[in-house]
Amino acid sequence: MKVLLLGCNGQVGWELQRSLACLGELTALDHDSREHVADFSRPEEVAETVRRLRPDVVVNAAAHTAVDKAEREEDFARTLNATTPGAVARAAHELGALMVHYSTDYVFDGSGSRPWAEGDATGPLSAYGRTKLEGEQQVAQHCPNHLIFRTSWVYAARGGNFAKTMLRLAQERDRLTVIDDQFGAPTGAELLADVTAHAVRATLADRSKAGLYHVVASGETHWHGYAQFVLQQAEAAGLPLKASSRDVDAVPTSAFPTPARRPHNSRLDTLKLQHTFGLVLPPWQAGVARMLRETL
């Protein structure tokens, strides 16, 4: 079996290189790959790469993820998040391939407190959310044999993330101020990659499993609670900090105005995924603690 991974050097793409390798012959490309075009600003050329390589599975981990920047360059974000995924989906369908694509909680308006289910009405608040929703629609329209995974609050040991930022600030400052009215579940790129590999194998064996799924770690928190947990882990590990977990002040979203509106409720219901693929999703604390042990 041949697997094509696009966006291989991002947080999720890096972990996918590991998890997908056991499925077959893996070709991993990023925007600066030289032998094959995988630059998502060039939709038809990326689609031609898919046709030329003729994979059995196409996994797209490429995206425009700079949420605030997308407000200033929505057309460019649309190209990366919707137009090119749509072109890739058409090429995948021509080949009879399974396509995997990643989306976000930002497709919802963030109202209420109930976890969002796959069939709930969407209502993105930002350019990023709008273009990611359009990407979902493009993939579903042009490649019926697809897996679309919505996730949230993604982190990885590789690269920057919220936890690392909190640790850096806690070493520099006596007190921290963190938002406490946005709720979700920190979800590791490692978990997403492992779920993807499992779901791909299962869907290749049974195409009725294709479709849209929510994938996040279990449990919930807010950014303030997330920050406190990170600092508690650092304290237990003996990392010297100026600000302890008790020195984190809680504030509303309005205290940190940004160009893009963030959803207050990023909870995602994962029952469909768990039932379809026979999976148990670990608590968010387990993944964050493991990532911190690797990086502290």
Protein backbone atom coordinates (compact mmCIF):
# COMPACT_ATOMS: atom_id res chain seq x y z
CA MET A 1 0.00 0.00 0.00
CA LYS A 2 1.19 3.51 -0.83
CA VAL A 3 0.55 6.40 1.56
CA LEU A 4 1.10 10.06 0.68
CA LEU A 5 1.48 12.53 3.57
CA LEU A 6 1.20 16.25 2.83
CA GLY A 7 2.36 18.80 5.39
CA CYS A 8 4.82 16.39 6.97
CA ASN A 9 6.82 18.93 8.99
CA GLY A 10 4.01 20.49 11.02
CA GLN A 11 3.18 19.35 14.54
CA VAL A 12 0.68 16.72 13.43
CA GLY A 13 2.55 15.88 10.23
CA TRP A 14 5.73 15.12 12.14
CA GLU A 15 3.94 12.56 14.31
CA LEU A 16 2.11 11.14 11.29
CA GLN A 17 5.44 10.25 9.72
CA ARG A 18 5.91 7.82 12.60
CA SER A 19 2.38 6.41 12.84
CA LEU A 20 1.75 5.98 9.10
CA ALA A 21 5.04 4.24 8.39
CA CYS A 22 3.61 0.90 9.53
CA LEU A 23 0.80 1.02 6.96
CA GLY A 24 2.97 0.71 3.86
CA GLU A 25 5.26 2.70 1.59
CA LEU A 26 5.17 6.27 2.90
CA THR A 27 5.99 9.38 0.87
CA ALA A 28 6.15 12.44 3.15
CA LEU A 29 6.14 15.90 1.56
CA ASP A 30 6.07 19.47 2.80
CA HIS A 31 5.73 22.88 1.14
CA ASP A 32 9.45 23.08 0.37
CA SER A 33 9.85 19.55 -1.01
CA ARG A 34 11.90 19.64 -4.19
CA GLU A 35 11.14 16.44 -6.06
CA HIS A 36 7.34 16.84 -5.92
CA VAL A 37 5.22 20.00 -5.53
CA ALA A 38 3.46 20.06 -2.14
CA ASP A 39 3.16 23.84 -1.75
CA PHE A 40 -0.52 24.43 -0.95
CA SER A 41 -0.45 27.87 -2.54
CA ARG A 42 -0.32 25.97 -5.87
CA PRO A 43 -3.52 23.86 -5.86
CA GLU A 44 -3.41 22.22 -9.27
CA GLU A 45 0.26 21.37 -9.02
CA VAL A 46 -0.30 19.65 -5.68
CA ALA A 47 -3.19 17.72 -7.22
CA GLU A 48 -0.91 16.69 -10.07
CA THR A 49 1.60 15.40 -7.51
CA VAL A 50 -1.15 13.16 -6.13
CA ARG A 51 -2.01 11.87 -9.60
CA ARG A 52 1.65 11.20 -10.39
CA LEU A 53 2.38 9.31 -7.17
CA ARG A 54 -0.90 7.34 -7.27
CA PRO A 55 -1.25 6.65 -3.52
CA ASP A 56 -3.88 4.42 -1.94
CA VAL A 57 -4.21 6.87 0.96
CA VAL A 58 -3.68 10.65 0.97
CA VAL A 59 -3.26 12.28 4.39
CA ASN A 60 -3.41 16.07 4.40
CA ALA A 61 -1.83 17.68 7.45
CA ALA A 62 -1.08 21.00 5.69
CA ALA A 63 -3.05 24.11 6.63
CA HIS A 64 -3.00 27.84 7.30
CA THR A 65 -3.19 27.83 11.11
CA ALA A 66 -2.24 31.43 12.00
CA VAL A 67 -5.69 32.34 13.31
CA ASP A 68 -5.25 36.11 13.69
CA LYS A 69 -3.21 36.46 10.51
CA ALA A 70 -6.03 34.80 8.57
CA GLU A 71 -8.23 37.82 9.32
CA ARG A 72 -5.87 39.92 7.18
CA GLU A 73 -5.32 37.35 4.43
CA GLU A 74 -8.52 35.36 4.17
CA ASP A 75 -8.09 34.65 0.46
CA PHE A 76 -4.68 33.10 1.07
CA ALA A 77 -6.02 31.13 4.03
CA ARG A 78 -8.86 29.89 1.80
CA THR A 79 -6.38 28.66 -0.80
CA LEU A 80 -4.45 26.64 1.79
CA ASN A 81 -7.42 25.46 3.84
CA ALA A 82 -10.10 24.87 1.19
CA THR A 83 -9.11 25.29 -2.47
CA THR A 84 -6.06 23.03 -2.41
CA PRO A 85 -7.65 20.35 -0.19
CA GLY A 86 -10.52 20.32 -2.67
CA ALA A 87 -8.14 19.85 -5.59
CA VAL A 88 -6.34 17.07 -3.71
CA ALA A 89 -9.70 15.43 -2.92
CA ARG A 90 -10.66 15.39 -6.61
CA ALA A 91 -7.35 13.74 -7.50
CA ALA A 92 -7.71 11.22 -4.68
CA HIS A 93 -11.21 10.30 -5.86
CA GLU A 94 -9.98 9.80 -9.42
CA LEU A 95 -7.48 7.27 -8.05
CA GLY A 96 -9.97 5.56 -5.76
CA ALA A 97 -7.87 6.61 -2.77
CA LEU A 98 -8.93 7.27 0.82
CA MET A 99 -8.35 10.90 1.85
CA VAL A 100 -7.68 12.03 5.41
CA HIS A 101 -8.12 15.70 6.32
CA TYR A 102 -7.98 17.64 9.60
CA SER A 103 -10.35 20.37 10.74
CA THR A 104 -11.08 22.33 13.88
CA ASP A 105 -13.52 23.28 16.64
CA TYR A 106 -13.43 26.79 15.10
CA VAL A 107 -16.13 25.68 12.63
CA PHE A 108 -18.59 26.16 15.54
CA ASP A 109 -19.71 29.43 17.13
CA GLY A 110 -18.63 28.36 20.62
CA SER A 111 -22.00 28.92 22.27
CA GLY A 112 -23.44 26.88 25.13
CA SER A 113 -21.60 24.35 27.25
CA ARG A 114 -22.57 21.01 25.66
CA PRO A 115 -19.87 19.21 23.66
CA TRP A 116 -20.38 19.67 19.93
CA ALA A 117 -21.44 16.59 17.96
CA GLU A 118 -20.54 16.00 14.31
CA GLY A 119 -24.07 16.78 13.11
CA ASP A 120 -24.48 20.07 14.98
CA ALA A 121 -24.97 23.26 13.01
CA THR A 122 -21.74 25.09 12.25
CA GLY A 123 -21.20 28.84 12.61
CA PRO A 124 -17.56 29.93 12.44
CA LEU A 125 -16.62 33.24 14.05
CA SER A 126 -13.37 33.87 12.17
CA ALA A 127 -11.73 33.72 8.76
CA TYR A 128 -9.76 30.70 9.94
CA GLY A 129 -12.95 28.91 10.95
CA ARG A 130 -14.73 29.80 7.72
CA THR A 131 -11.91 28.55 5.52
CA LYS A 132 -11.52 25.34 7.51
CA LEU A 133 -15.26 24.67 7.19
CA GLU A 134 -15.03 25.26 3.45
CA GLY A 135 -12.15 22.78 3.38
CA GLU A 136 -14.30 20.13 5.04
CA GLN A 137 -17.02 20.74 2.49
CA GLN A 138 -14.61 20.55 -0.44
CA VAL A 139 -13.12 17.26 0.73
CA ALA A 140 -16.51 15.68 1.47
CA GLN A 141 -17.92 16.81 -1.89
CA HIS A 142 -15.04 15.69 -4.08
CA CYS A 143 -13.86 12.52 -2.31
CA PRO A 144 -16.69 10.54 -0.67
CA ASN A 145 -14.15 8.02 0.65
CA HIS A 146 -12.73 10.35 3.30
CA LEU A 147 -11.92 10.70 6.98
CA ILE A 148 -12.26 14.26 8.30
CA PHE A 149 -11.05 14.72 11.86
CA ARG A 150 -12.04 17.83 13.81
CA THR A 151 -9.80 18.52 16.77
CA SER A 152 -8.81 21.35 19.12
CA TRP A 153 -6.02 22.82 21.25
CA VAL A 154 -3.31 20.79 19.51
CA TYR A 155 0.16 20.64 21.02
CA ALA A 156 3.34 18.61 20.45
CA ALA A 157 6.74 18.16 22.05
CA ARG A 158 8.24 19.46 18.81
CA GLY A 159 7.91 23.19 18.17
CA GLY A 160 6.17 25.86 20.22
CA ASN A 161 3.01 25.35 22.24
CA PHE A 162 0.97 26.89 25.06
CA ALA A 163 2.62 24.80 27.76
CA LYS A 164 6.12 25.83 26.73
CA THR A 165 5.03 29.47 26.64
CA MET A 166 3.65 29.22 30.19
CA LEU A 167 6.90 27.67 31.42
CA ARG A 168 8.97 30.40 29.81
CA LEU A 169 6.80 33.17 31.24
CA ALA A 170 6.76 31.56 34.69
CA GLN A 171 10.57 31.66 34.70
CA GLU A 172 10.54 35.35 33.74
CA ARG A 173 7.62 36.80 35.73
CA ASP A 174 6.25 36.73 39.28
CA ARG A 175 2.61 36.41 38.16
CA LEU A 176 0.78 35.24 35.04
CA THR A 177 -2.64 36.19 33.66
CA VAL A 178 -4.57 33.54 31.71
CA ILE A 179 -8.08 33.31 30.23
CA ASP A 180 -10.62 31.17 32.09
CA ASP A 181 -13.76 31.36 29.94
CA GLN A 182 -12.70 29.27 26.92
CA PHE A 183 -13.19 25.53 27.45
CA GLY A 184 -11.71 22.59 25.58
CA ALA A 185 -9.32 19.65 25.78
CA PRO A 186 -5.59 19.94 25.02
CA THR A 187 -4.93 17.25 22.42
CA GLY A 188 -1.53 15.87 21.54
CA ALA A 189 -0.36 15.56 17.94
CA GLU A 190 0.89 12.11 18.93
CA LEU A 191 -2.65 11.04 19.87
CA LEU A 192 -4.07 12.41 16.61
CA ALA A 193 -1.45 10.54 14.61
CA ASP A 194 -2.10 7.23 16.35
CA VAL A 195 -5.88 7.57 15.98
CA THR A 196 -5.38 8.38 12.29
CA ALA A 197 -3.33 5.26 11.60
CA HIS A 198 -5.87 3.06 13.39
CA ALA A 199 -8.82 4.66 11.60
CA VAL A 200 -7.16 4.45 8.18
CA ARG A 201 -6.55 0.71 8.56
CA ALA A 202 -10.13 0.14 9.74
CA THR A 203 -11.66 2.25 6.96
CA LEU A 204 -9.65 0.55 4.23
CA ALA A 205 -11.16 -2.72 5.46
CA ASP A 206 -14.68 -1.27 5.77
CA ARG A 207 -15.51 1.81 3.71
CA SER A 208 -18.74 2.34 5.66
CA LYS A 209 -16.54 3.82 8.40
CA ALA A 210 -15.60 6.78 6.20
CA GLY A 211 -16.91 10.16 7.33
CA LEU A 212 -16.55 13.04 9.77
CA TYR A 213 -15.30 12.50 13.33
CA HIS A 214 -14.32 14.51 16.38
CA VAL A 215 -10.97 13.62 17.95
CA VAL A 216 -9.82 15.21 21.21
CA ALA A 217 -8.41 13.90 24.47
CA SER A 218 -11.01 13.19 27.14
CA GLY A 219 -11.96 15.62 29.86
CA GLU A 220 -12.02 19.39 29.70
CA THR A 221 -10.37 22.47 31.12
CA HIS A 222 -9.88 26.16 30.38
CA TRP A 223 -6.64 27.91 29.53
CA HIS A 224 -6.21 29.00 33.16
CA GLY A 225 -6.59 25.42 34.39
CA TYR A 226 -4.25 24.22 31.66
CA ALA A 227 -1.60 26.73 32.76
CA GLN A 228 -1.92 25.72 36.41
CA PHE A 229 -1.52 22.05 35.52
CA VAL A 230 1.61 22.77 33.48
CA LEU A 231 3.21 24.72 36.33
CA GLN A 232 2.26 22.03 38.87
CA GLN A 233 4.06 19.46 36.73
CA ALA A 234 7.09 21.74 36.45
CA GLU A 235 7.14 22.28 40.21
CA ALA A 236 6.98 18.53 40.83
CA ALA A 237 9.92 18.08 38.44
CA GLY A 238 11.97 20.64 40.37
CA LEU A 239 12.09 23.29 37.63
CA PRO A 240 12.91 26.70 39.17
CA LEU A 241 10.05 29.14 38.57
CA LYS A 242 9.37 32.72 39.62
CA ALA A 243 5.61 32.21 39.28
CA SER A 244 4.09 29.10 40.84
CA SER A 245 0.79 27.44 39.91
CA ARG A 246 -0.79 29.62 42.65
CA ASP A 247 0.41 32.79 40.93
CA VAL A 248 -1.81 32.47 37.86
CA ASP A 249 -4.62 35.02 37.74
CA ALA A 250 -7.84 34.20 35.87
CA VAL A 251 -9.31 36.76 33.46
CA PRO A 252 -12.04 36.76 30.76
CA THR A 253 -11.36 36.65 27.03
CA SER A 254 -12.16 40.36 26.83
CA ALA A 255 -8.91 41.07 28.72
CA PHE A 256 -6.93 39.93 25.67
CA PRO A 257 -8.62 41.33 22.52
CA THR A 258 -7.44 39.68 19.29
CA PRO A 259 -8.23 40.24 15.58
CA ALA A 260 -10.00 36.85 15.38
CA ARG A 261 -12.81 35.83 17.72
CA ARG A 262 -12.21 32.58 19.61
CA PRO A 263 -15.03 30.16 20.52
CA HIS A 264 -15.79 29.96 24.24
CA ASN A 265 -16.99 26.37 23.99
CA SER A 266 -14.50 24.14 22.18
CA ARG A 267 -15.75 20.91 23.75
CA LEU A 268 -16.10 18.14 21.14
CA ASP A 269 -18.16 14.96 21.55
CA THR A 270 -16.04 11.94 20.55
CA LEU A 271 -18.57 9.12 21.09
CA LYS A 272 -18.97 8.50 17.35
CA LEU A 273 -15.22 7.98 16.93
CA GLN A 274 -14.93 5.76 20.00
CA HIS A 275 -17.86 3.56 19.02
CA THR A 276 -16.94 3.27 15.33
CA PHE A 277 -13.28 2.41 15.82
CA GLY A 278 -13.33 0.80 19.28
CA LEU A 279 -11.07 3.40 20.84
CA VAL A 280 -10.69 4.86 24.33
CA LEU A 281 -9.31 8.40 24.35
CA PRO A 282 -7.00 9.14 27.30
CA PRO A 283 -7.46 12.15 29.62
CA TRP A 284 -5.83 15.34 28.44
CA GLN A 285 -3.66 15.48 31.56
CA ALA A 286 -1.89 12.23 30.62
CA GLY A 287 -0.75 13.55 27.24
CA VAL A 288 0.34 16.94 28.55
CA ALA A 289 2.26 15.35 31.43
CA ARG A 290 4.05 13.02 29.02
CA MET A 291 4.95 15.89 26.69
CA LEU A 292 6.33 17.87 29.63
CA ARG A 293 8.45 14.92 30.79
CA GLU A 294 9.98 14.85 27.31
CA THR A 295 10.72 18.57 27.24
CA LEU A 296 11.54 19.61 30.81
